[in-house]
């Protein structure tokens, strides 16, 4: 049967949720989404539903979709982020070719509306089990750009945690520090591969304004009103409902250059893990670039984290639609 392609709307969220559930039964990425999760994502300021999404419909059933997310800066490259899900029964060359062409053409349109004249790259992150879309991207000229890993540590048998160095105190996150935390995040991640600044609207939507943010389990190191280090955490209820495991995600961990190498990051993360255990969580997870220039894997390993899954970023430079 021929598929009908059209942009997504918020009314399609239930169908999109069913599509993610069907794909997860095969791909086993460990990600589980509720309707509320996906609605929050689609309402983000970096997503243009009418002009930067597409959905494949088999009658009244959504069997595939693509989404293009612009970035908040091109410094100097605009690294647009792509995502998609295709139902396992519809993973064929026709659908793959349609998505690859749509990504290329529509990404350039998004780019020309936001950062015309800047270099453009398309970045697609996928789990190691998502082999079909990896093949589609490779066939369309994408190259493997980076490997990320998910690391986890169980909290029931949490090993002894590194202490904060003398003179440093973990301060609970407060929304009066939100702007200072954003400044610290943008500074800390300025030299990370694939990273760019967050504008306040995107930051609040995706991070501190998200329904999943846990300010009570997020901690800062302060110097007056300046944030020198931070651990920001989220809890995804849909994942807990699907797995039966209460997992706290340390989604942002950063230390300004002036404090690196002094044990502050591992001490602040250790403080967070002890708080998570006391709050009844079963496990903690985080994601990190295996080639992180700040040797972050070693920091996390000192806190007991171990690699659980791999994620890969595929990159296409200067696409022509």
C-alpha atoms as a PDB file:
ATOM      1  CA  UNK A   1       0.000   0.000   0.000  1.00  0.00           C
ATOM      2  CA  UNK A   2       1.203   3.506  -0.801  1.00  0.00           C
ATOM      3  CA  UNK A   3       1.843   5.684   2.225  1.00  0.00           C
ATOM      4  CA  UNK A   4       0.572   9.193   2.734  1.00  0.00           C
ATOM      5  CA  UNK A   5       3.172  11.679   4.031  1.00  0.00           C
ATOM      6  CA  UNK A   6       2.196  14.876   5.810  1.00  0.00           C
ATOM      7  CA  UNK A   7       3.511  17.088   8.642  1.00  0.00           C
ATOM      8  CA  UNK A   8       2.698  16.079  12.197  1.00  0.00           C
ATOM      9  CA  UNK A   9       0.353  17.985  14.476  1.00  0.00           C
ATOM     10  CA  UNK A  10      -0.145  17.754  18.225  1.00  0.00           C
ATOM     11  CA  UNK A  11      -3.280  15.723  17.507  1.00  0.00           C
ATOM     12  CA  UNK A  12      -0.963  12.971  16.229  1.00  0.00           C
ATOM     13  CA  UNK A  13       0.712  12.452  19.613  1.00  0.00           C
ATOM     14  CA  UNK A  14      -1.299   9.282  20.501  1.00  0.00           C
ATOM     15  CA  UNK A  15      -0.386   7.715  17.151  1.00  0.00           C
ATOM     16  CA  UNK A  16       3.258   8.715  17.607  1.00  0.00           C
ATOM     17  CA  UNK A  17       3.303   7.136  21.052  1.00  0.00           C
ATOM     18  CA  UNK A  18       1.989   3.855  19.621  1.00  0.00           C
ATOM     19  CA  UNK A  19       4.683   3.990  16.914  1.00  0.00           C
ATOM     20  CA  UNK A  20       7.462   4.396  19.491  1.00  0.00           C
ATOM     21  CA  UNK A  21       6.064   1.477  21.491  1.00  0.00           C
ATOM     22  CA  UNK A  22       5.989  -0.800  18.434  1.00  0.00           C
ATOM     23  CA  UNK A  23       9.554   0.132  17.478  1.00  0.00           C
ATOM     24  CA  UNK A  24      10.877  -0.418  21.013  1.00  0.00           C
ATOM     25  CA  UNK A  25       9.578  -3.984  21.014  1.00  0.00           C
ATOM     26  CA  UNK A  26      12.138  -4.701  18.264  1.00  0.00           C
ATOM     27  CA  UNK A  27      14.942  -2.179  18.809  1.00  0.00           C
ATOM     28  CA  UNK A  28      15.299  -2.460  22.602  1.00  0.00           C
ATOM     29  CA  UNK A  29      16.888   0.949  23.025  1.00  0.00           C
ATOM     30  CA  UNK A  30      15.650   1.215  26.608  1.00  0.00           C
ATOM     31  CA  UNK A  31      13.688   4.380  25.845  1.00  0.00           C
ATOM     32  CA  UNK A  32       9.990   4.537  26.665  1.00  0.00           C
ATOM     33  CA  UNK A  33       7.757   7.539  26.026  1.00  0.00           C
ATOM     34  CA  UNK A  34       4.312   8.547  27.194  1.00  0.00           C
ATOM     35  CA  UNK A  35       1.956  10.825  25.313  1.00  0.00           C
ATOM     36  CA  UNK A  36       2.863  13.577  27.765  1.00  0.00           C
ATOM     37  CA  UNK A  37       6.567  13.086  27.006  1.00  0.00           C
ATOM     38  CA  UNK A  38       6.121  13.374  23.260  1.00  0.00           C
ATOM     39  CA  UNK A  39       3.725  16.303  23.465  1.00  0.00           C
ATOM     40  CA  UNK A  40       6.263  18.217  25.558  1.00  0.00           C
ATOM     41  CA  UNK A  41       8.964  17.470  22.997  1.00  0.00           C
ATOM     42  CA  UNK A  42       6.900  18.556  19.995  1.00  0.00           C
ATOM     43  CA  UNK A  43       6.006  21.822  21.695  1.00  0.00           C
ATOM     44  CA  UNK A  44       9.677  22.812  21.952  1.00  0.00           C
ATOM     45  CA  UNK A  45      10.844  26.163  20.558  1.00  0.00           C
ATOM     46  CA  UNK A  46      13.386  24.545  18.210  1.00  0.00           C
ATOM     47  CA  UNK A  47      10.767  22.437  16.393  1.00  0.00           C
ATOM     48  CA  UNK A  48       8.608  23.770  13.567  1.00  0.00           C
ATOM     49  CA  UNK A  49       5.824  21.196  13.252  1.00  0.00           C
ATOM     50  CA  UNK A  50       4.322  22.378   9.931  1.00  0.00           C
ATOM     51  CA  UNK A  51       7.650  22.834   8.142  1.00  0.00           C
ATOM     52  CA  UNK A  52      10.106  20.489   9.853  1.00  0.00           C
ATOM     53  CA  UNK A  53       8.225  17.247  10.578  1.00  0.00           C
ATOM     54  CA  UNK A  54       6.768  14.544   8.399  1.00  0.00           C
ATOM     55  CA  UNK A  55       4.684  11.467   9.112  1.00  0.00           C
ATOM     56  CA  UNK A  56       3.981   8.375   7.018  1.00  0.00           C
ATOM     57  CA  UNK A  57       0.429   7.098   7.277  1.00  0.00           C
ATOM     58  CA  UNK A  58      -0.910   3.709   6.270  1.00  0.00           C
ATOM     59  CA  UNK A  59      -4.582   4.552   6.364  1.00  0.00           C
ATOM     60  CA  UNK A  60      -5.186   5.904   9.863  1.00  0.00           C
ATOM     61  CA  UNK A  61      -2.008   4.310  11.305  1.00  0.00           C
ATOM     62  CA  UNK A  62       1.221   6.290  11.705  1.00  0.00           C
ATOM     63  CA  UNK A  63       4.045   3.995  10.550  1.00  0.00           C
ATOM     64  CA  UNK A  64       6.962   6.404  10.357  1.00  0.00           C
ATOM     65  CA  UNK A  65       8.016   9.956  11.043  1.00  0.00           C
ATOM     66  CA  UNK A  66      10.919  12.350  10.687  1.00  0.00           C
ATOM     67  CA  UNK A  67      11.774  15.481  12.669  1.00  0.00           C
ATOM     68  CA  UNK A  68      14.350  18.242  12.187  1.00  0.00           C
ATOM     69  CA  UNK A  69      15.513  20.285  15.153  1.00  0.00           C
ATOM     70  CA  UNK A  70      17.317  23.571  14.498  1.00  0.00           C
ATOM     71  CA  UNK A  71      20.056  24.674  16.875  1.00  0.00           C
ATOM     72  CA  UNK A  72      20.308  27.920  18.836  1.00  0.00           C
ATOM     73  CA  UNK A  73      23.617  28.930  17.260  1.00  0.00           C
ATOM     74  CA  UNK A  74      25.909  28.216  14.317  1.00  0.00           C
ATOM     75  CA  UNK A  75      29.359  28.595  15.840  1.00  0.00           C
ATOM     76  CA  UNK A  76      30.492  28.345  13.125  1.00  0.00           C
ATOM     77  CA  UNK A  77      28.599  25.263  11.873  1.00  0.00           C
ATOM     78  CA  UNK A  78      24.830  24.821  12.163  1.00  0.00           C
ATOM     79  CA  UNK A  79      24.585  21.225  13.424  1.00  0.00           C
ATOM     80  CA  UNK A  80      20.941  20.398  12.839  1.00  0.00           C
ATOM     81  CA  UNK A  81      19.651  17.371  14.722  1.00  0.00           C
ATOM     82  CA  UNK A  82      17.510  14.732  13.063  1.00  0.00           C
ATOM     83  CA  UNK A  83      15.356  11.961  14.463  1.00  0.00           C
ATOM     84  CA  UNK A  84      12.911   9.405  13.139  1.00  0.00           C
ATOM     85  CA  UNK A  85      11.139   6.175  13.926  1.00  0.00           C
ATOM     86  CA  UNK A  86       9.794   3.693  11.377  1.00  0.00           C
ATOM     87  CA  UNK A  87       7.536   0.780  12.241  1.00  0.00           C
ATOM     88  CA  UNK A  88       9.410  -2.540  11.876  1.00  0.00           C
ATOM     89  CA  UNK A  89       6.893  -3.713   9.240  1.00  0.00           C
ATOM     90  CA  UNK A  90       7.675  -0.713   7.000  1.00  0.00           C
ATOM     91  CA  UNK A  91      11.479  -0.621   7.073  1.00  0.00           C
ATOM     92  CA  UNK A  92      12.196  -0.884   3.377  1.00  0.00           C
ATOM     93  CA  UNK A  93      14.213   0.962   0.736  1.00  0.00           C
ATOM     94  CA  UNK A  94      11.288   3.130  -0.327  1.00  0.00           C
ATOM     95  CA  UNK A  95      10.648   4.521   3.153  1.00  0.00           C
ATOM     96  CA  UNK A  96      14.356   4.830   3.885  1.00  0.00           C
ATOM     97  CA  UNK A  97      14.991   6.686   0.645  1.00  0.00           C
ATOM     98  CA  UNK A  98      12.054   9.019   1.253  1.00  0.00           C
ATOM     99  CA  UNK A  99      13.311   9.919   4.721  1.00  0.00           C
ATOM    100  CA  UNK A 100      16.891  10.475   3.552  1.00  0.00           C
ATOM    101  CA  UNK A 101      15.752  12.800   0.767  1.00  0.00           C
ATOM    102  CA  UNK A 102      13.353  14.644   3.065  1.00  0.00           C
ATOM    103  CA  UNK A 103      16.039  15.123   5.713  1.00  0.00           C
ATOM    104  CA  UNK A 104      18.430  16.620   3.168  1.00  0.00           C
ATOM    105  CA  UNK A 105      15.952  18.911   1.419  1.00  0.00           C
ATOM    106  CA  UNK A 106      14.032  20.093   4.464  1.00  0.00           C
ATOM    107  CA  UNK A 107      17.109  20.580   6.636  1.00  0.00           C
ATOM    108  CA  UNK A 108      18.497  23.000   4.103  1.00  0.00           C
ATOM    109  CA  UNK A 109      15.188  24.886   4.114  1.00  0.00           C
ATOM    110  CA  UNK A 110      15.283  25.089   7.926  1.00  0.00           C
ATOM    111  CA  UNK A 111      18.912  26.180   7.766  1.00  0.00           C
ATOM    112  CA  UNK A 112      18.251  28.953   5.253  1.00  0.00           C
ATOM    113  CA  UNK A 113      15.532  30.360   7.507  1.00  0.00           C
ATOM    114  CA  UNK A 114      17.804  30.411  10.569  1.00  0.00           C
ATOM    115  CA  UNK A 115      21.514  30.677   9.713  1.00  0.00           C
ATOM    116  CA  UNK A 116      21.789  31.393   5.963  1.00  0.00           C
ATOM    117  CA  UNK A 117      25.357  31.412   4.739  1.00  0.00           C
ATOM    118  CA  UNK A 118      26.749  29.341   7.616  1.00  0.00           C
ATOM    119  CA  UNK A 119      28.131  25.837   7.028  1.00  0.00           C
ATOM    120  CA  UNK A 120      25.587  23.086   7.655  1.00  0.00           C
ATOM    121  CA  UNK A 121      25.871  19.580   9.064  1.00  0.00           C
ATOM    122  CA  UNK A 122      23.140  17.045   9.757  1.00  0.00           C
ATOM    123  CA  UNK A 123      23.563  15.009  12.962  1.00  0.00           C
ATOM    124  CA  UNK A 124      21.557  11.850  13.630  1.00  0.00           C
ATOM    125  CA  UNK A 125      21.979  10.015  16.960  1.00  0.00           C
ATOM    126  CA  UNK A 126      20.935   6.366  17.140  1.00  0.00           C
ATOM    127  CA  UNK A 127      21.179   3.430  19.525  1.00  0.00           C
ATOM    128  CA  UNK A 128      23.518   0.566  18.653  1.00  0.00           C
ATOM    129  CA  UNK A 129      20.473  -1.661  18.044  1.00  0.00           C
ATOM    130  CA  UNK A 130      18.929   0.659  15.441  1.00  0.00           C
ATOM    131  CA  UNK A 131      20.738  -1.004  12.562  1.00  0.00           C
ATOM    132  CA  UNK A 132      18.169  -0.331   9.835  1.00  0.00           C
ATOM    133  CA  UNK A 133      18.325   3.449  10.060  1.00  0.00           C
ATOM    134  CA  UNK A 134      22.131   3.257  10.391  1.00  0.00           C
ATOM    135  CA  UNK A 135      22.174   1.499   7.013  1.00  0.00           C
ATOM    136  CA  UNK A 136      19.846   4.086   5.500  1.00  0.00           C
ATOM    137  CA  UNK A 137      22.095   6.919   6.652  1.00  0.00           C
ATOM    138  CA  UNK A 138      25.301   5.236   5.487  1.00  0.00           C
ATOM    139  CA  UNK A 139      23.720   4.661   2.079  1.00  0.00           C
ATOM    140  CA  UNK A 140      22.841   8.363   1.885  1.00  0.00           C
ATOM    141  CA  UNK A 141      26.437   9.430   2.505  1.00  0.00           C
ATOM    142  CA  UNK A 142      26.444   9.978   6.259  1.00  0.00           C
ATOM    143  CA  UNK A 143      29.644   9.070   8.101  1.00  0.00           C
ATOM    144  CA  UNK A 144      30.042   7.792  11.630  1.00  0.00           C
ATOM    145  CA  UNK A 145      31.038  10.893  13.581  1.00  0.00           C
ATOM    146  CA  UNK A 146      31.087   9.930  17.235  1.00  0.00           C
ATOM    147  CA  UNK A 147      30.293   7.245  19.795  1.00  0.00           C
ATOM    148  CA  UNK A 148      28.422   8.071  22.979  1.00  0.00           C
ATOM    149  CA  UNK A 149      27.722   5.668  25.827  1.00  0.00           C
ATOM    150  CA  UNK A 150      25.057   5.330  28.478  1.00  0.00           C
ATOM    151  CA  UNK A 151      26.602   4.547  31.874  1.00  0.00           C
ATOM    152  CA  UNK A 152      24.691   3.223  34.888  1.00  0.00           C
ATOM    153  CA  UNK A 153      25.273   2.564  38.571  1.00  0.00           C
ATOM    154  CA  UNK A 154      23.016   0.672  40.961  1.00  0.00           C
ATOM    155  CA  UNK A 155      22.159   2.522  44.136  1.00  0.00           C
ATOM    156  CA  UNK A 156      21.248  -0.398  46.411  1.00  0.00           C
ATOM    157  CA  UNK A 157      24.916  -1.396  46.570  1.00  0.00           C
ATOM    158  CA  UNK A 158      26.350   2.042  45.825  1.00  0.00           C
ATOM    159  CA  UNK A 159      30.114   1.988  46.383  1.00  0.00           C
ATOM    160  CA  UNK A 160      31.722   4.601  48.649  1.00  0.00           C
ATOM    161  CA  UNK A 161      31.553   7.925  46.879  1.00  0.00           C
ATOM    162  CA  UNK A 162      34.326  10.490  46.406  1.00  0.00           C
ATOM    163  CA  UNK A 163      33.875  13.390  48.824  1.00  0.00           C
ATOM    164  CA  UNK A 164      33.851  17.013  47.822  1.00  0.00           C
ATOM    165  CA  UNK A 165      37.247  18.633  48.371  1.00  0.00           C
ATOM    166  CA  UNK A 166      37.622  20.744  51.492  1.00  0.00           C
ATOM    167  CA  UNK A 167      36.101  24.181  51.126  1.00  0.00           C
ATOM    168  CA  UNK A 168      33.347  23.200  48.687  1.00  0.00           C
ATOM    169  CA  UNK A 169      29.670  22.766  49.520  1.00  0.00           C
ATOM    170  CA  UNK A 170      26.892  21.210  47.443  1.00  0.00           C
ATOM    171  CA  UNK A 171      24.028  23.695  47.188  1.00  0.00           C
ATOM    172  CA  UNK A 172      20.560  22.459  46.114  1.00  0.00           C
ATOM    173  CA  UNK A 173      19.358  23.882  42.817  1.00  0.00           C
ATOM    174  CA  UNK A 174      17.103  26.904  43.135  1.00  0.00           C
ATOM    175  CA  UNK A 175      15.364  28.658  40.274  1.00  0.00           C
ATOM    176  CA  UNK A 176      17.001  31.919  41.311  1.00  0.00           C
ATOM    177  CA  UNK A 177      20.185  30.331  39.913  1.00  0.00           C
ATOM    178  CA  UNK A 178      18.645  29.258  36.599  1.00  0.00           C
ATOM    179  CA  UNK A 179      20.321  31.914  34.460  1.00  0.00           C
ATOM    180  CA  UNK A 180      23.672  31.369  36.187  1.00  0.00           C
ATOM    181  CA  UNK A 181      23.426  27.609  35.607  1.00  0.00           C
ATOM    182  CA  UNK A 182      22.694  28.207  31.912  1.00  0.00           C
ATOM    183  CA  UNK A 183      25.756  30.466  31.695  1.00  0.00           C
ATOM    184  CA  UNK A 184      27.862  27.755  33.354  1.00  0.00           C
ATOM    185  CA  UNK A 185      26.487  25.089  31.023  1.00  0.00           C
ATOM    186  CA  UNK A 186      27.218  27.163  27.902  1.00  0.00           C
ATOM    187  CA  UNK A 187      30.749  27.870  29.129  1.00  0.00           C
ATOM    188  CA  UNK A 188      31.482  24.311  30.262  1.00  0.00           C
ATOM    189  CA  UNK A 189      30.311  22.678  27.041  1.00  0.00           C
ATOM    190  CA  UNK A 190      31.730  25.281  24.642  1.00  0.00           C
ATOM    191  CA  UNK A 191      34.514  22.935  23.478  1.00  0.00           C
ATOM    192  CA  UNK A 192      32.478  19.710  23.447  1.00  0.00           C
ATOM    193  CA  UNK A 193      32.002  18.000  20.099  1.00  0.00           C
ATOM    194  CA  UNK A 194      28.553  18.598  18.624  1.00  0.00           C
ATOM    195  CA  UNK A 195      27.623  21.138  21.287  1.00  0.00           C
ATOM    196  CA  UNK A 196      26.455  24.711  20.957  1.00  0.00           C
ATOM    197  CA  UNK A 197      24.867  27.256  23.260  1.00  0.00           C
ATOM    198  CA  UNK A 198      21.324  27.035  24.546  1.00  0.00           C
ATOM    199  CA  UNK A 199      19.149  30.105  24.370  1.00  0.00           C
ATOM    200  CA  UNK A 200      17.027  30.646  27.514  1.00  0.00           C
ATOM    201  CA  UNK A 201      13.766  29.500  25.913  1.00  0.00           C
ATOM    202  CA  UNK A 202      15.203  26.164  24.757  1.00  0.00           C
ATOM    203  CA  UNK A 203      17.027  25.656  28.060  1.00  0.00           C
ATOM    204  CA  UNK A 204      13.896  26.154  30.122  1.00  0.00           C
ATOM    205  CA  UNK A 205      11.790  23.970  27.862  1.00  0.00           C
ATOM    206  CA  UNK A 206      14.240  21.071  27.647  1.00  0.00           C
ATOM    207  CA  UNK A 207      15.971  21.240  31.017  1.00  0.00           C
ATOM    208  CA  UNK A 208      14.872  23.278  34.029  1.00  0.00           C
ATOM    209  CA  UNK A 209      11.294  23.818  32.859  1.00  0.00           C
ATOM    210  CA  UNK A 210      10.699  20.211  31.860  1.00  0.00           C
ATOM    211  CA  UNK A 211       8.081  18.243  33.759  1.00  0.00           C
ATOM    212  CA  UNK A 212      10.794  15.621  34.386  1.00  0.00           C
ATOM    213  CA  UNK A 213      13.333  17.953  36.023  1.00  0.00           C
ATOM    214  CA  UNK A 214      14.186  17.119  39.642  1.00  0.00           C
ATOM    215  CA  UNK A 215      15.461  20.329  41.251  1.00  0.00           C
ATOM    216  CA  UNK A 216      15.489  18.583  44.629  1.00  0.00           C
ATOM    217  CA  UNK A 217      18.100  16.140  43.313  1.00  0.00           C
ATOM    218  CA  UNK A 218      20.168  18.684  41.360  1.00  0.00           C
ATOM    219  CA  UNK A 219      23.149  20.361  42.994  1.00  0.00           C
ATOM    220  CA  UNK A 220      25.519  23.276  42.401  1.00  0.00           C
ATOM    221  CA  UNK A 221      28.889  24.603  43.510  1.00  0.00           C
ATOM    222  CA  UNK A 222      28.689  28.374  43.873  1.00  0.00           C
ATOM    223  CA  UNK A 223      31.102  31.258  44.109  1.00  0.00           C
ATOM    224  CA  UNK A 224      28.786  34.066  45.144  1.00  0.00           C
ATOM    225  CA  UNK A 225      26.174  34.221  42.385  1.00  0.00           C
ATOM    226  CA  UNK A 226      28.389  32.374  39.881  1.00  0.00           C
ATOM    227  CA  UNK A 227      27.877  28.661  39.262  1.00  0.00           C
ATOM    228  CA  UNK A 228      31.195  26.803  39.082  1.00  0.00           C
ATOM    229  CA  UNK A 229      29.903  23.236  38.831  1.00  0.00           C
ATOM    230  CA  UNK A 230      26.515  21.548  38.468  1.00  0.00           C
ATOM    231  CA  UNK A 231      24.707  18.212  38.337  1.00  0.00           C
ATOM    232  CA  UNK A 232      21.179  18.493  36.937  1.00  0.00           C
ATOM    233  CA  UNK A 233      18.886  15.460  37.115  1.00  0.00           C
ATOM    234  CA  UNK A 234      15.675  14.230  35.519  1.00  0.00           C
ATOM    235  CA  UNK A 235      13.341  11.345  36.276  1.00  0.00           C
ATOM    236  CA  UNK A 236      11.310   9.820  33.430  1.00  0.00           C
ATOM    237  CA  UNK A 237       8.148   8.285  34.824  1.00  0.00           C
ATOM    238  CA  UNK A 238       7.301   6.458  31.586  1.00  0.00           C
ATOM    239  CA  UNK A 239      10.581   4.552  31.795  1.00  0.00           C
ATOM    240  CA  UNK A 240       9.886   3.563  35.398  1.00  0.00           C
ATOM    241  CA  UNK A 241       6.378   2.403  34.471  1.00  0.00           C
ATOM    242  CA  UNK A 242       7.737   0.246  31.641  1.00  0.00           C
ATOM    243  CA  UNK A 243      10.751  -1.232  33.453  1.00  0.00           C
ATOM    244  CA  UNK A 244       9.822  -1.158  37.123  1.00  0.00           C
ATOM    245  CA  UNK A 245      13.148   0.603  37.824  1.00  0.00           C
ATOM    246  CA  UNK A 246      13.308   4.104  39.282  1.00  0.00           C
ATOM    247  CA  UNK A 247      16.282   5.564  37.463  1.00  0.00           C
ATOM    248  CA  UNK A 248      17.566   9.079  38.033  1.00  0.00           C
ATOM    249  CA  UNK A 249      19.277  10.552  34.985  1.00  0.00           C
ATOM    250  CA  UNK A 250      22.196  12.903  35.610  1.00  0.00           C
ATOM    251  CA  UNK A 251      21.491  14.707  32.374  1.00  0.00           C
ATOM    252  CA  UNK A 252      23.936  17.599  32.774  1.00  0.00           C
ATOM    253  CA  UNK A 253      27.223  17.347  34.664  1.00  0.00           C
ATOM    254  CA  UNK A 254      29.713  20.181  34.252  1.00  0.00           C
ATOM    255  CA  UNK A 255      32.620  21.968  35.906  1.00  0.00           C
ATOM    256  CA  UNK A 256      34.166  25.248  34.841  1.00  0.00           C
ATOM    257  CA  UNK A 257      37.786  25.067  33.777  1.00  0.00           C
ATOM    258  CA  UNK A 258      39.067  26.768  36.927  1.00  0.00           C
ATOM    259  CA  UNK A 259      37.992  23.762  39.048  1.00  0.00           C
ATOM    260  CA  UNK A 260      38.843  20.873  36.744  1.00  0.00           C
ATOM    261  CA  UNK A 261      41.197  18.231  38.026  1.00  0.00           C
ATOM    262  CA  UNK A 262      40.456  18.952  41.688  1.00  0.00           C
ATOM    263  CA  UNK A 263      37.859  16.241  42.340  1.00  0.00           C
ATOM    264  CA  UNK A 264      34.905  18.627  42.325  1.00  0.00           C
ATOM    265  CA  UNK A 265      32.928  16.851  39.583  1.00  0.00           C
ATOM    266  CA  UNK A 266      33.193  13.396  41.150  1.00  0.00           C
ATOM    267  CA  UNK A 267      32.494  14.811  44.614  1.00  0.00           C
ATOM    268  CA  UNK A 268      29.370  16.664  43.465  1.00  0.00           C
ATOM    269  CA  UNK A 269      28.143  13.634  41.517  1.00  0.00           C
ATOM    270  CA  UNK A 270      28.792  11.423  44.545  1.00  0.00           C
ATOM    271  CA  UNK A 271      26.733  13.797  46.681  1.00  0.00           C
ATOM    272  CA  UNK A 272      23.927  13.536  44.111  1.00  0.00           C
ATOM    273  CA  UNK A 273      24.012   9.735  44.093  1.00  0.00           C
ATOM    274  CA  UNK A 274      23.787   9.545  47.870  1.00  0.00           C
ATOM    275  CA  UNK A 275      20.778  11.891  47.748  1.00  0.00           C
ATOM    276  CA  UNK A 276      19.166   9.777  45.019  1.00  0.00           C
ATOM    277  CA  UNK A 277      19.606   6.621  47.074  1.00  0.00           C
ATOM    278  CA  UNK A 278      18.081   8.324  50.118  1.00  0.00           C
ATOM    279  CA  UNK A 279      15.137   9.403  47.935  1.00  0.00           C
ATOM    280  CA  UNK A 280      14.384   5.786  46.988  1.00  0.00           C
ATOM    281  CA  UNK A 281      15.840   5.572  43.499  1.00  0.00           C
ATOM    282  CA  UNK A 282      17.143   2.214  42.269  1.00  0.00           C
ATOM    283  CA  UNK A 283      19.708   3.340  39.738  1.00  0.00           C
ATOM    284  CA  UNK A 284      21.336   6.326  38.075  1.00  0.00           C
ATOM    285  CA  UNK A 285      22.275   6.819  34.428  1.00  0.00           C
ATOM    286  CA  UNK A 286      24.109   9.382  32.342  1.00  0.00           C
ATOM    287  CA  UNK A 287      25.371   9.780  28.783  1.00  0.00           C
ATOM    288  CA  UNK A 288      28.874  10.766  27.743  1.00  0.00           C
ATOM    289  CA  UNK A 289      31.045  11.098  24.641  1.00  0.00           C
ATOM    290  CA  UNK A 290      33.726   8.377  24.743  1.00  0.00           C
ATOM    291  CA  UNK A 291      36.235  10.918  23.400  1.00  0.00           C
ATOM    292  CA  UNK A 292      35.289  13.595  25.946  1.00  0.00           C
ATOM    293  CA  UNK A 293      38.221  15.989  26.176  1.00  0.00           C
ATOM    294  CA  UNK A 294      37.805  16.395  29.937  1.00  0.00           C
ATOM    295  CA  UNK A 295      38.238  12.657  30.676  1.00  0.00           C
ATOM    296  CA  UNK A 296      34.684  12.472  31.972  1.00  0.00           C
ATOM    297  CA  UNK A 297      34.514   8.659  31.749  1.00  0.00           C
ATOM    298  CA  UNK A 298      37.113   8.419  34.485  1.00  0.00           C
ATOM    299  CA  UNK A 299      35.135  10.811  36.676  1.00  0.00           C
ATOM    300  CA  UNK A 300      32.015   8.712  36.302  1.00  0.00           C
ATOM    301  CA  UNK A 301      33.824   5.417  36.807  1.00  0.00           C
ATOM    302  CA  UNK A 302      35.142   6.718  40.136  1.00  0.00           C
ATOM    303  CA  UNK A 303      31.510   7.080  41.195  1.00  0.00           C
ATOM    304  CA  UNK A 304      30.723   3.489  40.169  1.00  0.00           C
ATOM    305  CA  UNK A 305      29.162   4.048  36.737  1.00  0.00           C
ATOM    306  CA  UNK A 306      29.807   1.415  34.077  1.00  0.00           C
ATOM    307  CA  UNK A 307      29.047   1.405  30.344  1.00  0.00           C
ATOM    308  CA  UNK A 308      25.675  -0.147  29.496  1.00  0.00           C
ATOM    309  CA  UNK A 309      24.786   0.929  25.937  1.00  0.00           C
ATOM    310  CA  UNK A 310      26.392   2.599  22.935  1.00  0.00           C
ATOM    311  CA  UNK A 311      24.920   5.387  20.844  1.00  0.00           C
ATOM    312  CA  UNK A 312      26.336   6.576  17.538  1.00  0.00           C
ATOM    313  CA  UNK A 313      26.123   9.946  15.810  1.00  0.00           C
ATOM    314  CA  UNK A 314      26.051   9.945  12.015  1.00  0.00           C
ATOM    315  CA  UNK A 315      26.986  13.152  10.224  1.00  0.00           C
ATOM    316  CA  UNK A 316      26.318  14.519   6.742  1.00  0.00           C
ATOM    317  CA  UNK A 317      28.085  17.734   5.749  1.00  0.00           C
ATOM    318  CA  UNK A 318      26.570  20.291   3.380  1.00  0.00           C
ATOM    319  CA  UNK A 319      23.517  18.280   2.234  1.00  0.00           C
ATOM    320  CA  UNK A 320      21.898  19.217  -1.029  1.00  0.00           C
ATOM    321  CA  UNK A 321      18.186  18.651  -1.258  1.00  0.00           C
END
